[in-house]
Protein backbone atom coordinates (compact mmCIF):
# COMPACT_ATOMS: atom_id res chain seq x y z
CA MET A 1 -7.43 -22.56 24.83
CA THR A 2 -4.41 -24.63 23.89
CA ASP A 3 -0.92 -23.17 23.77
CA GLU A 4 -0.96 -23.53 19.98
CA ALA A 5 -4.17 -21.50 19.68
CA ARG A 6 -2.94 -18.73 21.97
CA VAL A 7 -1.80 -15.57 20.18
CA GLU A 8 0.70 -13.39 21.96
CA ALA A 9 -0.53 -9.81 22.28
CA GLU A 10 1.32 -7.18 20.30
CA THR A 11 1.04 -3.43 20.57
CA CYS A 12 -0.24 -1.40 17.67
CA ALA A 13 -0.81 2.33 17.42
CA ALA A 14 -2.83 4.42 15.00
CA VAL A 15 -2.91 7.96 13.70
CA GLU A 16 -5.08 9.87 11.25
CA LEU A 17 -3.17 12.26 9.02
CA SER A 18 -4.54 15.26 7.20
CA THR A 19 -3.13 15.16 3.65
CA PRO A 20 -3.78 16.92 0.33
CA ILE A 21 -5.68 13.82 -0.85
CA GLY A 22 -7.84 13.64 2.28
CA PRO A 23 -7.52 11.93 5.63
CA LEU A 24 -5.27 8.88 5.77
CA GLY A 25 -5.36 6.45 8.67
CA VAL A 26 -2.18 4.57 9.50
CA VAL A 27 -1.75 1.62 11.87
CA VAL A 28 1.76 0.64 12.93
CA THR A 29 3.24 -2.18 14.95
CA GLU A 30 6.78 -2.53 16.22
CA ARG A 31 7.51 -4.31 12.89
CA GLY A 32 6.36 -1.40 10.71
CA VAL A 33 3.37 0.03 8.86
CA LEU A 34 0.59 -2.56 8.95
CA ALA A 35 -2.31 -0.73 7.32
CA VAL A 36 -3.10 2.54 5.57
CA GLY A 37 -6.72 3.62 5.19
CA LEU A 38 -7.28 5.87 2.18
CA SER A 39 -10.50 7.22 3.67
CA GLY A 40 -9.33 7.68 7.23
CA LEU A 41 -8.46 5.88 10.39
CA ARG A 42 -11.50 3.61 10.56
CA PHE A 43 -10.47 1.90 7.31
CA ALA A 44 -6.91 1.29 8.51
CA GLU A 45 -8.19 -0.09 11.80
CA GLU A 46 -10.62 -2.40 9.97
CA ALA A 47 -7.76 -3.78 7.88
CA ALA A 48 -5.60 -4.26 10.97
CA ALA A 49 -8.43 -6.13 12.69
CA GLY A 50 -7.61 -9.03 10.36
CA LEU A 51 -4.49 -9.74 12.39
CA PRO A 52 -5.24 -11.44 15.72
CA GLY A 53 -3.50 -10.41 18.92
CA LEU A 54 -3.13 -6.69 18.31
CA GLU A 55 -3.79 -4.42 21.25
CA PRO A 56 -3.90 -0.62 21.01
CA GLY A 57 -1.06 1.06 22.83
CA GLU A 58 1.67 3.63 22.60
CA LEU A 59 4.37 3.53 19.92
CA PRO A 60 5.57 7.14 19.88
CA GLY A 61 8.73 6.49 17.81
CA PRO A 62 7.00 4.70 14.92
CA LEU A 63 4.10 7.17 14.91
CA GLU A 64 6.50 10.11 14.73
CA ARG A 65 8.27 8.50 11.76
CA VAL A 66 4.88 8.00 10.08
CA ARG A 67 4.02 11.69 10.55
CA GLU A 68 7.45 12.81 9.31
CA GLU A 69 7.59 10.59 6.24
CA PHE A 70 4.02 11.11 5.07
CA GLY A 71 4.45 14.87 5.62
CA ALA A 72 7.67 14.86 3.58
CA TYR A 73 6.10 12.71 0.85
CA PHE A 74 3.13 15.02 0.40
CA ALA A 75 5.43 18.07 0.50
CA GLY A 76 7.41 16.54 -2.40
CA ARG A 77 10.57 16.05 -0.31
CA LEU A 78 10.44 12.25 0.07
CA ARG A 79 10.78 9.97 -2.93
CA ARG A 80 10.94 6.62 -1.13
CA PHE A 81 9.44 5.67 2.20
CA THR A 82 11.99 4.25 4.60
CA LEU A 83 9.33 3.13 7.06
CA PRO A 84 9.44 -0.63 7.41
CA VAL A 85 6.38 -2.49 6.18
CA ASP A 86 4.71 -5.09 8.39
CA TRP A 87 3.77 -7.57 5.65
CA ARG A 88 1.59 -9.85 7.80
CA LEU A 89 -1.68 -8.78 6.09
CA SER A 90 -0.27 -9.96 2.75
CA SER A 91 0.33 -13.55 1.72
CA GLY A 92 0.90 -15.78 -1.29
CA TYR A 93 0.84 -14.31 -4.78
CA ALA A 94 -0.57 -10.99 -3.56
CA ARG A 95 2.41 -10.53 -1.25
CA ASP A 96 4.84 -11.44 -4.03
CA VAL A 97 3.23 -8.82 -6.29
CA ARG A 98 3.20 -6.13 -3.60
CA GLU A 99 6.83 -6.78 -2.65
CA ALA A 100 7.89 -6.63 -6.32
CA LEU A 101 6.06 -3.33 -6.73
CA TYR A 102 7.57 -1.94 -3.52
CA ARG A 103 11.11 -2.93 -4.55
CA SER A 104 11.08 -2.12 -8.24
CA VAL A 105 8.73 0.76 -9.15
CA GLY A 106 10.05 4.04 -7.85
CA TYR A 107 8.73 7.53 -7.35
CA GLY A 108 7.47 9.04 -10.59
CA GLU A 109 7.49 5.68 -12.39
CA THR A 110 4.53 3.62 -13.51
CA ILE A 111 4.04 0.03 -14.62
CA SER A 112 1.20 -1.89 -16.23
CA TYR A 113 -0.61 -4.71 -14.48
CA GLY A 114 0.74 -7.17 -17.06
CA ALA A 115 4.34 -5.94 -16.76
CA LEU A 116 4.17 -6.24 -12.98
CA ALA A 117 2.81 -9.78 -13.36
CA ARG A 118 5.81 -10.64 -15.55
CA ARG A 119 8.20 -9.32 -12.89
CA VAL A 120 6.69 -11.65 -10.32
CA SER A 121 6.74 -14.88 -12.28
CA ASP A 122 8.11 -16.34 -15.47
CA ALA A 123 5.36 -18.92 -15.39
CA ASP A 124 2.44 -17.90 -17.61
CA VAL A 125 -0.02 -20.09 -15.72
CA GLU A 126 -3.08 -17.88 -16.17
CA GLY A 127 -2.04 -16.27 -19.44
CA GLU A 128 -1.15 -12.59 -19.63
CA PHE A 129 -4.72 -11.34 -19.23
CA GLY A 130 -5.36 -13.59 -16.23
CA ALA A 131 -2.05 -12.67 -14.61
CA ALA A 132 -2.81 -8.97 -15.07
CA ARG A 133 -6.19 -9.50 -13.44
CA ALA A 134 -4.52 -11.31 -10.53
CA VAL A 135 -2.20 -8.32 -10.09
CA GLY A 136 -5.28 -6.09 -10.14
CA ARG A 137 -6.82 -8.12 -7.31
CA ALA A 138 -3.56 -7.84 -5.32
CA MET A 139 -3.57 -4.07 -5.81
CA ALA A 140 -7.26 -3.76 -4.91
CA THR A 141 -6.64 -5.47 -1.57
CA ASN A 142 -3.31 -3.79 -0.78
CA PRO A 143 -3.39 -3.06 2.98
CA VAL A 144 -0.62 -0.42 2.76
CA PRO A 145 -1.40 1.84 -0.22
CA VAL A 146 0.83 4.86 -0.82
CA VAL A 147 3.72 3.15 1.03
CA VAL A 148 3.37 0.11 -1.25
CA PRO A 149 2.53 2.32 -4.24
CA CYS A 150 -0.37 0.60 -5.99
CA HIS A 151 -1.29 4.00 -7.47
CA ARG A 152 1.69 3.52 -9.83
CA VAL A 153 0.06 0.53 -11.54
CA LEU A 154 -1.81 1.45 -14.73
CA ALA A 155 -3.76 -0.27 -17.49
CA ALA A 156 -1.76 -1.54 -20.49
CA ASP A 157 -2.69 1.59 -22.49
CA GLY A 158 -1.42 3.88 -19.70
CA SER A 159 -4.86 4.86 -18.46
CA LEU A 160 -5.94 4.86 -14.84
CA HIS A 161 -7.78 1.77 -13.72
CA GLY A 162 -9.06 1.03 -10.24
CA PHE A 163 -7.89 2.46 -6.94
CA GLY A 164 -9.31 2.08 -3.45
CA GLY A 165 -9.47 5.85 -2.95
CA GLY A 166 -10.97 6.47 -6.39
CA LEU A 167 -9.41 7.43 -9.70
CA GLU A 168 -9.14 11.12 -8.78
CA MET A 169 -7.03 10.24 -5.74
CA LYS A 170 -4.86 7.99 -7.92
CA ARG A 171 -4.43 10.85 -10.40
CA GLN A 172 -3.49 13.24 -7.57
CA LEU A 173 -0.82 10.85 -6.24
CA LEU A 174 0.62 10.38 -9.72
CA ALA A 175 0.56 14.16 -10.32
CA LEU A 176 2.40 14.71 -7.03
CA GLU A 177 5.10 12.36 -8.32
CA GLY A 178 5.12 13.90 -11.80
CA ALA A 179 3.97 10.64 -13.38
CA VAL A 180 0.52 11.43 -14.79
CA PRO A 181 0.41 9.93 -18.30
CA ASP A 182 -0.28 12.27 -21.23
CA VAL A 183 -3.58 10.52 -21.98
CA LEU A 184 -5.00 12.04 -18.77
CA PHE A 185 -4.55 15.69 -19.81
């Protein structure tokens, strides 16, 4: 193996949390939250496996922050995660979209796929429909759902559309935040 091909090992740690929407798996590195599995730890670990050089280990500080913040979020006491995000599983346009969502759509707010696409780029390269679909793909492959709140992205008419944990889970997260659109009642 050449020096260029060698990947320096980095510690990661994982925890499965019991939440009102079901078990969530979370993988953290020293940089921040790397992956959240909406159906448990196995799904977070599978996402994290896409990053070479990770080795399971102990990160008690970051894991405690994960437990505290997710607990506070699901108890309705936390409106914005302060956990850092390890963005290394995101790249290109998908990362741009996820970072824009993370920065600009707060607790209890929603945005359409098309409106989020417009926040990312002034260039209408794919047309509005194509850009909205590209945002949908970025949301569908979001490695850190809940923290990077893809559940807040809705169809243009305000209806729920797509979510890795299912539409009922998306509705539950939006209800927790007080953001369920009227069309869902």
